[in-house]
Structures are given as structure tokens and as C-alpha cells.
Amino acid sequence: MTRDFVLRPYTEADRDACLAIWRAASESGHPFLTLADLDADQVLVRDIYLSKAAITLACEGQEPAGFIALIDDFIGGLFVQPARHRQGVGRLLIATASRQAGPLRVEVYAANENALRFYETLGFEQTAVRATDDQGRPHALVRLEQPRSG
């Protein structure tokens, strides 16, 4: 089912909505993380990561359904409300970000098979794996990149 989503830039007033989307999507896609892990990560997202990235929101009406956070050509985060999965939100955000930033790079948890499949369906290729996440936890991360043309 495809809906009409409107893209717009993030403002500070969107912080709580983005955190709620991040939390719901993280609980859904990262069941291997504990609630304490997610609580600690949420503080980092709120206090550090949101301000470091160029964020675009996909909204249904005035309601944010998902967002992408870019740091140059690196996807720091792509999160969609679980109720909006499989409605084209992620594809729209990736397509728009790719047009703006060129071929994109991302890291996702190896255990998040849905995310791996999503990126691979969009043409991303696995280029590396590391054994721990950014907090040093023993959860492997897979790096994926969109191929560069030429």
C-alpha cells in the first residue's frame, strides 16, 4: 500500500516525534537489545546524534511517519513507525537522500534481517562486517553501500 508522504526538513520541534519513531522502530527491529541498552541509546540519539545529522522527515499530513538522518553520504539512521512499514516511506527517504548526497553508505545490525533485506532490495551491497556496535556491545554490524556508477 503506497500513501502520499510529504518530505520536509527536521526542526527542533520534531525531536520528541523522532525519538518516539526511533524507539518504536528500534524495539521492533532490534529485539536483541535490552531495554537498558535502548534507554542508553535513546539518550545518545536525543543529546548527540539528532543535532549532528541532516534529517528529513516523511509526514502523512502533519504526522511524521519516519525520518532519515544523514551525515554527508552516511545514513546515521533510517527509522519508520512500525505501523508504516512496507508503505514506501523508507524507499522514498532513501531515494531522496541518494539524489541529494550521491551513493549512500549505512551500517545495520547483522541480526536485523529485515533491514539487511530492505537495503539489499534497494541495490546496496555488503562491503564489511565488524564484530561490535558503536557502544562496544557484541552485536555485529554490516556495512552496506550503494554502488558508485562509472
N, C-alpha and C. Protein backbone atom coordinates (compact mmCIF):
# COMPACT_ATOMS: atom_id res chain seq x y z
N MET A 1 0.84 -1.18 0.00
CA MET A 1 0.00 0.00 0.00
C MET A 1 0.89 1.24 0.00
N THR A 2 0.74 2.09 -0.97
CA THR A 2 1.52 3.32 -1.04
C THR A 2 0.62 4.50 -0.69
N ARG A 3 1.15 5.37 0.12
CA ARG A 3 0.42 6.56 0.51
C ARG A 3 1.21 7.77 0.05
N ASP A 4 0.59 8.92 0.13
CA ASP A 4 1.29 10.15 -0.21
C ASP A 4 1.95 10.71 1.04
N PHE A 5 3.26 10.68 1.05
CA PHE A 5 4.01 11.23 2.16
C PHE A 5 4.70 12.50 1.69
N VAL A 6 4.73 13.49 2.54
CA VAL A 6 5.37 14.76 2.25
C VAL A 6 6.69 14.81 2.99
N LEU A 7 7.75 15.18 2.30
CA LEU A 7 9.06 15.29 2.93
C LEU A 7 9.29 16.73 3.36
N ARG A 8 9.92 16.85 4.51
CA ARG A 8 10.28 18.18 4.99
C ARG A 8 11.48 18.08 5.92
N PRO A 9 12.21 19.19 6.07
CA PRO A 9 13.37 19.17 6.97
C PRO A 9 12.94 19.09 8.43
N TYR A 10 13.80 18.52 9.23
CA TYR A 10 13.64 18.42 10.68
C TYR A 10 13.77 19.80 11.31
N THR A 11 12.96 20.03 12.32
CA THR A 11 13.14 21.20 13.20
C THR A 11 13.23 20.68 14.63
N GLU A 12 13.72 21.51 15.52
CA GLU A 12 13.84 21.11 16.93
C GLU A 12 12.48 20.69 17.51
N ALA A 13 11.40 21.24 16.97
CA ALA A 13 10.06 20.87 17.44
C ALA A 13 9.71 19.41 17.11
N ASP A 14 10.47 18.79 16.21
CA ASP A 14 10.23 17.40 15.81
C ASP A 14 10.96 16.39 16.70
N ARG A 15 11.76 16.88 17.65
CA ARG A 15 12.61 15.98 18.44
C ARG A 15 11.83 14.86 19.10
N ASP A 16 10.77 15.18 19.81
CA ASP A 16 10.04 14.14 20.54
C ASP A 16 9.39 13.13 19.59
N ALA A 17 8.86 13.61 18.46
CA ALA A 17 8.24 12.71 17.49
C ALA A 17 9.30 11.78 16.89
N CYS A 18 10.48 12.32 16.59
CA CYS A 18 11.55 11.49 16.04
C CYS A 18 12.05 10.47 17.07
N LEU A 19 12.15 10.89 18.31
CA LEU A 19 12.56 9.95 19.36
C LEU A 19 11.55 8.83 19.53
N ALA A 20 10.27 9.16 19.43
CA ALA A 20 9.22 8.13 19.54
C ALA A 20 9.30 7.16 18.37
N ILE A 21 9.53 7.67 17.16
CA ILE A 21 9.69 6.81 15.99
C ILE A 21 10.94 5.94 16.16
N TRP A 22 12.04 6.56 16.57
CA TRP A 22 13.28 5.81 16.78
C TRP A 22 13.05 4.68 17.78
N ARG A 23 12.38 4.99 18.89
CA ARG A 23 12.20 3.97 19.94
C ARG A 23 11.32 2.82 19.44
N ALA A 24 10.19 3.14 18.82
CA ALA A 24 9.28 2.10 18.33
C ALA A 24 9.97 1.23 17.28
N ALA A 25 10.67 1.86 16.35
CA ALA A 25 11.35 1.10 15.30
C ALA A 25 12.51 0.28 15.88
N SER A 26 13.22 0.83 16.85
CA SER A 26 14.33 0.11 17.46
C SER A 26 13.85 -1.09 18.26
N GLU A 27 12.77 -0.93 19.00
CA GLU A 27 12.21 -2.06 19.75
C GLU A 27 11.76 -3.15 18.79
N SER A 28 11.19 -2.77 17.66
CA SER A 28 10.72 -3.73 16.67
C SER A 28 11.87 -4.42 15.94
N GLY A 29 12.84 -3.65 15.49
CA GLY A 29 13.92 -4.18 14.65
C GLY A 29 15.12 -4.71 15.40
N HIS A 30 15.24 -4.36 16.68
CA HIS A 30 16.41 -4.75 17.47
C HIS A 30 16.01 -5.46 18.75
N PRO A 31 15.27 -6.56 18.66
CA PRO A 31 14.81 -7.24 19.87
C PRO A 31 15.95 -7.85 20.69
N PHE A 32 17.14 -7.92 20.12
CA PHE A 32 18.32 -8.45 20.81
C PHE A 32 18.93 -7.42 21.76
N LEU A 33 18.51 -6.15 21.67
CA LEU A 33 18.97 -5.13 22.60
C LEU A 33 18.05 -5.11 23.82
N THR A 34 18.63 -4.92 24.98
CA THR A 34 17.83 -4.85 26.21
C THR A 34 17.17 -3.49 26.33
N LEU A 35 16.19 -3.40 27.22
CA LEU A 35 15.57 -2.09 27.47
C LEU A 35 16.60 -1.10 28.00
N ALA A 36 17.55 -1.57 28.81
CA ALA A 36 18.61 -0.69 29.30
C ALA A 36 19.49 -0.20 28.15
N ASP A 37 19.80 -1.09 27.20
CA ASP A 37 20.55 -0.68 26.01
C ASP A 37 19.80 0.42 25.26
N LEU A 38 18.51 0.18 25.04
CA LEU A 38 17.70 1.16 24.29
C LEU A 38 17.59 2.47 25.05
N ASP A 39 17.43 2.40 26.37
CA ASP A 39 17.36 3.64 27.17
C ASP A 39 18.65 4.44 27.03
N ALA A 40 19.79 3.75 27.11
CA ALA A 40 21.08 4.44 26.98
C ALA A 40 21.26 5.01 25.57
N ASP A 41 20.89 4.22 24.57
CA ASP A 41 21.00 4.70 23.18
C ASP A 41 20.09 5.89 22.94
N GLN A 42 18.91 5.90 23.55
CA GLN A 42 17.97 7.00 23.34
C GLN A 42 18.55 8.32 23.83
N VAL A 43 19.30 8.28 24.93
CA VAL A 43 19.95 9.50 25.43
C VAL A 43 20.96 9.99 24.39
N LEU A 44 21.74 9.08 23.80
CA LEU A 44 22.71 9.47 22.78
C LEU A 44 22.01 10.05 21.55
N VAL A 45 20.93 9.40 21.12
CA VAL A 45 20.18 9.91 19.96
C VAL A 45 19.67 11.31 20.26
N ARG A 46 19.07 11.49 21.41
CA ARG A 46 18.48 12.78 21.77
C ARG A 46 19.53 13.87 21.93
N ASP A 47 20.60 13.55 22.67
CA ASP A 47 21.55 14.60 23.06
C ASP A 47 22.69 14.83 22.07
N ILE A 48 22.98 13.84 21.22
CA ILE A 48 24.14 13.97 20.33
C ILE A 48 23.76 13.79 18.86
N TYR A 49 23.19 12.64 18.52
CA TYR A 49 23.05 12.26 17.12
C TYR A 49 22.07 13.14 16.34
N LEU A 50 20.94 13.51 16.93
CA LEU A 50 19.98 14.31 16.16
C LEU A 50 20.59 15.64 15.73
N SER A 51 21.41 16.23 16.56
CA SER A 51 21.98 17.54 16.21
C SER A 51 23.14 17.44 15.23
N LYS A 52 23.72 16.25 15.05
CA LYS A 52 24.86 16.09 14.15
C LYS A 52 24.47 15.77 12.71
N ALA A 53 23.22 15.44 12.49
CA ALA A 53 22.80 14.94 11.18
C ALA A 53 21.88 15.92 10.46
N ALA A 54 21.85 15.79 9.15
CA ALA A 54 20.85 16.47 8.32
C ALA A 54 19.66 15.51 8.25
N ILE A 55 18.54 15.90 8.81
CA ILE A 55 17.40 14.99 8.96
C ILE A 55 16.25 15.45 8.06
N THR A 56 15.68 14.47 7.36
CA THR A 56 14.49 14.69 6.55
C THR A 56 13.40 13.80 7.11
N LEU A 57 12.22 14.38 7.29
CA LEU A 57 11.06 13.64 7.77
C LEU A 57 10.12 13.33 6.62
N ALA A 58 9.49 12.17 6.70
CA ALA A 58 8.38 11.82 5.81
C ALA A 58 7.13 11.92 6.66
N CYS A 59 6.20 12.77 6.23
CA CYS A 59 4.99 13.02 7.03
C CYS A 59 3.75 12.63 6.26
N GLU A 60 2.80 12.12 7.01
CA GLU A 60 1.45 11.86 6.50
C GLU A 60 0.59 12.93 7.14
N GLY A 61 0.18 13.91 6.32
CA GLY A 61 -0.43 15.10 6.90
C GLY A 61 0.64 15.83 7.70
N GLN A 62 0.34 16.15 8.94
CA GLN A 62 1.32 16.79 9.81
C GLN A 62 2.11 15.79 10.65
N GLU A 63 1.72 14.52 10.59
CA GLU A 63 2.28 13.49 11.46
C GLU A 63 3.51 12.83 10.85
N PRO A 64 4.68 12.94 11.50
CA PRO A 64 5.86 12.23 10.99
C PRO A 64 5.66 10.72 11.02
N ALA A 65 5.99 10.07 9.91
CA ALA A 65 5.89 8.61 9.80
C ALA A 65 7.27 7.97 9.84
N GLY A 66 8.30 8.75 9.53
CA GLY A 66 9.65 8.24 9.52
C GLY A 66 10.64 9.35 9.23
N PHE A 67 11.92 9.02 9.39
CA PHE A 67 12.95 10.01 9.09
C PHE A 67 14.24 9.33 8.70
N ILE A 68 15.06 10.08 7.98
CA ILE A 68 16.42 9.66 7.65
C ILE A 68 17.36 10.73 8.16
N ALA A 69 18.45 10.28 8.77
CA ALA A 69 19.46 11.18 9.32
C ALA A 69 20.76 10.93 8.56
N LEU A 70 21.22 11.93 7.82
CA LEU A 70 22.43 11.80 7.01
C LEU A 70 23.58 12.59 7.62
N ILE A 71 24.75 12.00 7.56
CA ILE A 71 25.99 12.69 7.85
C ILE A 71 26.82 12.51 6.58
N ASP A 72 26.84 13.56 5.78
CA ASP A 72 27.41 13.50 4.44
C ASP A 72 26.68 12.40 3.65
N ASP A 73 27.39 11.33 3.23
CA ASP A 73 26.72 10.27 2.47
C ASP A 73 26.45 9.03 3.33
N PHE A 74 26.58 9.17 4.65
CA PHE A 74 26.35 8.06 5.58
C PHE A 74 24.99 8.19 6.24
N ILE A 75 24.22 7.11 6.17
CA ILE A 75 22.91 7.10 6.82
C ILE A 75 23.13 6.78 8.29
N GLY A 76 23.06 7.82 9.12
CA GLY A 76 23.20 7.62 10.56
C GLY A 76 21.99 6.92 11.14
N GLY A 77 20.87 7.05 10.47
CA GLY A 77 19.67 6.36 10.90
C GLY A 77 18.55 6.52 9.89
N LEU A 78 17.81 5.45 9.71
CA LEU A 78 16.59 5.45 8.92
C LEU A 78 15.56 4.71 9.77
N PHE A 79 14.58 5.43 10.24
CA PHE A 79 13.60 4.84 11.13
C PHE A 79 12.19 5.21 10.68
N VAL A 80 11.34 4.19 10.64
CA VAL A 80 9.95 4.36 10.21
C VAL A 80 9.05 3.75 11.28
N GLN A 81 7.96 4.44 11.60
CA GLN A 81 6.98 3.88 12.54
C GLN A 81 6.63 2.47 12.08
N PRO A 82 6.69 1.49 12.97
CA PRO A 82 6.36 0.11 12.55
C PRO A 82 5.00 -0.01 11.85
N ALA A 83 4.02 0.77 12.24
CA ALA A 83 2.71 0.72 11.58
C ALA A 83 2.77 1.24 10.14
N ARG A 84 3.85 1.91 9.78
CA ARG A 84 4.02 2.46 8.42
C ARG A 84 5.00 1.66 7.59
N HIS A 85 5.52 0.56 8.15
CA HIS A 85 6.43 -0.28 7.36
C HIS A 85 5.71 -0.81 6.13
N ARG A 86 6.49 -0.99 5.06
CA ARG A 86 6.01 -1.56 3.80
C ARG A 86 4.98 -0.65 3.10
N GLN A 87 5.09 0.65 3.35
CA GLN A 87 4.20 1.62 2.68
C GLN A 87 4.99 2.60 1.83
N GLY A 88 6.28 2.34 1.64
CA GLY A 88 7.09 3.18 0.76
C GLY A 88 7.83 4.31 1.44
N VAL A 89 7.69 4.45 2.75
CA VAL A 89 8.34 5.56 3.46
C VAL A 89 9.86 5.45 3.37
N GLY A 90 10.40 4.29 3.71
CA GLY A 90 11.86 4.11 3.67
C GLY A 90 12.42 4.27 2.27
N ARG A 91 11.74 3.69 1.29
CA ARG A 91 12.19 3.82 -0.10
C ARG A 91 12.22 5.29 -0.53
N LEU A 92 11.18 6.04 -0.18
CA LEU A 92 11.11 7.46 -0.52
C LEU A 92 12.26 8.23 0.12
N LEU A 93 12.51 7.98 1.39
CA LEU A 93 13.58 8.68 2.09
C LEU A 93 14.96 8.34 1.51
N ILE A 94 15.18 7.06 1.19
CA ILE A 94 16.46 6.64 0.59
C ILE A 94 16.63 7.28 -0.79
N ALA A 95 15.60 7.22 -1.61
CA ALA A 95 15.70 7.78 -2.97
C ALA A 95 16.01 9.27 -2.91
N THR A 96 15.36 9.99 -2.04
CA THR A 96 15.58 11.43 -1.92
C THR A 96 16.99 11.71 -1.41
N ALA A 97 17.42 10.98 -0.39
CA ALA A 97 18.76 11.19 0.17
C ALA A 97 19.83 10.86 -0.86
N SER A 98 19.63 9.82 -1.63
CA SER A 98 20.60 9.43 -2.65
C SER A 98 20.72 10.49 -3.74
N ARG A 99 19.60 11.08 -4.12
CA ARG A 99 19.64 12.17 -5.11
C ARG A 99 20.42 13.36 -4.55
N GLN A 100 20.30 13.61 -3.27
CA GLN A 100 20.96 14.78 -2.66
C GLN A 100 22.43 14.53 -2.35
N ALA A 101 22.76 13.34 -1.87
CA ALA A 101 24.10 13.07 -1.36
C ALA A 101 24.93 12.12 -2.22
N GLY A 102 24.33 11.57 -3.27
CA GLY A 102 25.05 10.58 -4.07
C GLY A 102 24.92 9.21 -3.45
N PRO A 103 25.75 8.26 -3.91
CA PRO A 103 25.66 6.91 -3.36
C PRO A 103 25.83 6.93 -1.85
N LEU A 104 24.97 6.18 -1.17
CA LEU A 104 24.91 6.20 0.29
C LEU A 104 25.61 5.00 0.91
N ARG A 105 26.00 5.17 2.17
CA ARG A 105 26.57 4.10 2.98
C ARG A 105 25.73 3.98 4.25
N VAL A 106 25.70 2.78 4.84
CA VAL A 106 24.93 2.57 6.07
C VAL A 106 25.53 1.39 6.81
N GLU A 107 25.32 1.33 8.11
CA GLU A 107 25.63 0.15 8.89
C GLU A 107 24.36 -0.30 9.59
N VAL A 108 24.09 -1.60 9.56
CA VAL A 108 22.92 -2.16 10.24
C VAL A 108 23.35 -3.39 11.02
N TYR A 109 22.61 -3.67 12.06
CA TYR A 109 22.89 -4.88 12.83
C TYR A 109 22.69 -6.11 11.96
N ALA A 110 23.66 -7.03 12.04
CA ALA A 110 23.57 -8.28 11.27
C ALA A 110 22.31 -9.06 11.65
N ALA A 111 21.90 -8.95 12.90
CA ALA A 111 20.72 -9.68 13.37
C ALA A 111 19.41 -9.06 12.89
N ASN A 112 19.45 -7.85 12.31
CA ASN A 112 18.24 -7.19 11.81
C ASN A 112 18.07 -7.59 10.34
N GLU A 113 17.57 -8.80 10.14
CA GLU A 113 17.45 -9.35 8.79
C GLU A 113 16.52 -8.54 7.91
N ASN A 114 15.48 -7.95 8.47
CA ASN A 114 14.57 -7.13 7.66
C ASN A 114 15.29 -5.91 7.10
N ALA A 115 16.14 -5.28 7.91
CA ALA A 115 16.88 -4.11 7.43
C ALA A 115 17.88 -4.52 6.35
N LEU A 116 18.59 -5.62 6.56
CA LEU A 116 19.53 -6.09 5.54
C LEU A 116 18.81 -6.35 4.23
N ARG A 117 17.70 -7.04 4.29
CA ARG A 117 16.93 -7.35 3.08
C ARG A 117 16.42 -6.06 2.42
N PHE A 118 15.96 -5.10 3.21
CA PHE A 118 15.48 -3.82 2.69
C PHE A 118 16.58 -3.13 1.88
N TYR A 119 17.76 -2.98 2.47
CA TYR A 119 18.83 -2.28 1.77
C TYR A 119 19.31 -3.06 0.55
N GLU A 120 19.40 -4.36 0.67
CA GLU A 120 19.84 -5.15 -0.48
C GLU A 120 18.82 -5.08 -1.62
N THR A 121 17.54 -5.04 -1.29
CA THR A 121 16.50 -4.88 -2.31
C THR A 121 16.66 -3.56 -3.05
N LEU A 122 17.17 -2.54 -2.36
CA LEU A 122 17.38 -1.23 -2.97
C LEU A 122 18.74 -1.13 -3.67
N GLY A 123 19.46 -2.24 -3.76
CA GLY A 123 20.72 -2.26 -4.51
C GLY A 123 21.97 -2.05 -3.68
N PHE A 124 21.83 -1.91 -2.37
CA PHE A 124 23.02 -1.78 -1.52
C PHE A 124 23.75 -3.11 -1.50
N GLU A 125 25.08 -3.04 -1.40
CA GLU A 125 25.91 -4.24 -1.36
C GLU A 125 26.70 -4.26 -0.05
N GLN A 126 26.81 -5.45 0.54
CA GLN A 126 27.59 -5.60 1.76
C GLN A 126 29.06 -5.42 1.44
N THR A 127 29.75 -4.58 2.24
CA THR A 127 31.16 -4.32 1.99
C THR A 127 32.05 -4.65 3.19
N ALA A 128 31.49 -4.78 4.38
CA ALA A 128 32.30 -5.08 5.56
C ALA A 128 31.40 -5.52 6.70
N VAL A 129 32.00 -6.18 7.67
CA VAL A 129 31.32 -6.57 8.91
C VAL A 129 32.26 -6.28 10.05
N ARG A 130 31.72 -5.75 11.15
CA ARG A 130 32.52 -5.62 12.36
C ARG A 130 31.80 -6.29 13.51
N ALA A 131 32.55 -6.78 14.47
CA ALA A 131 32.01 -7.66 15.50
C ALA A 131 31.22 -6.95 16.58
N THR A 132 31.47 -5.66 16.78
CA THR A 132 30.79 -4.93 17.86
C THR A 132 30.10 -3.68 17.31
N ASP A 133 29.12 -3.21 18.08
CA ASP A 133 28.42 -1.98 17.67
C ASP A 133 29.17 -0.76 18.21
N ASP A 134 28.62 0.42 18.00
CA ASP A 134 29.30 1.66 18.37
C ASP A 134 29.52 1.78 19.88
N GLN A 135 28.75 1.06 20.68
CA GLN A 135 28.90 1.10 22.13
C GLN A 135 29.76 -0.06 22.64
N GLY A 136 30.35 -0.83 21.71
CA GLY A 136 31.22 -1.92 22.09
C GLY A 136 30.49 -3.20 22.48
N ARG A 137 29.18 -3.23 22.24
CA ARG A 137 28.40 -4.43 22.56
C ARG A 137 28.65 -5.50 21.50
N PRO A 138 28.54 -6.77 21.87
CA PRO A 138 28.86 -7.86 20.93
C PRO A 138 27.73 -8.14 19.93
N HIS A 139 27.37 -7.12 19.19
CA HIS A 139 26.34 -7.24 18.15
C HIS A 139 26.97 -6.78 16.83
N ALA A 140 27.17 -7.71 15.92
CA ALA A 140 27.85 -7.41 14.66
C ALA A 140 27.08 -6.39 13.84
N LEU A 141 27.83 -5.53 13.19
CA LEU A 141 27.28 -4.54 12.26
C LEU A 141 27.77 -4.85 10.85
N VAL A 142 26.85 -4.73 9.90
CA VAL A 142 27.17 -4.94 8.49
C VAL A 142 27.17 -3.58 7.80
N ARG A 143 28.24 -3.29 7.07
CA ARG A 143 28.28 -2.06 6.27
C ARG A 143 27.77 -2.39 4.88
N LEU A 144 26.88 -1.54 4.39
CA LEU A 144 26.34 -1.68 3.04
C LEU A 144 26.55 -0.36 2.32
N GLU A 145 26.76 -0.44 1.01
CA GLU A 145 26.96 0.76 0.21
C GLU A 145 26.20 0.64 -1.10
N GLN A 146 25.70 1.77 -1.56
CA GLN A 146 25.14 1.80 -2.91
C GLN A 146 26.32 1.84 -3.88
N PRO A 147 26.25 1.06 -4.95
CA PRO A 147 27.36 1.09 -5.91
C PRO A 147 27.52 2.47 -6.54
N ARG A 148 28.76 2.82 -6.76
CA ARG A 148 29.05 4.08 -7.47
C ARG A 148 29.00 3.82 -8.96
N SER A 149 28.36 4.70 -9.69
CA SER A 149 28.26 4.50 -11.13
C SER A 149 29.56 4.92 -11.80
N GLY A 150 29.83 4.31 -12.94
CA GLY A 150 31.02 4.69 -13.70
C GLY A 150 32.06 3.76 -13.51
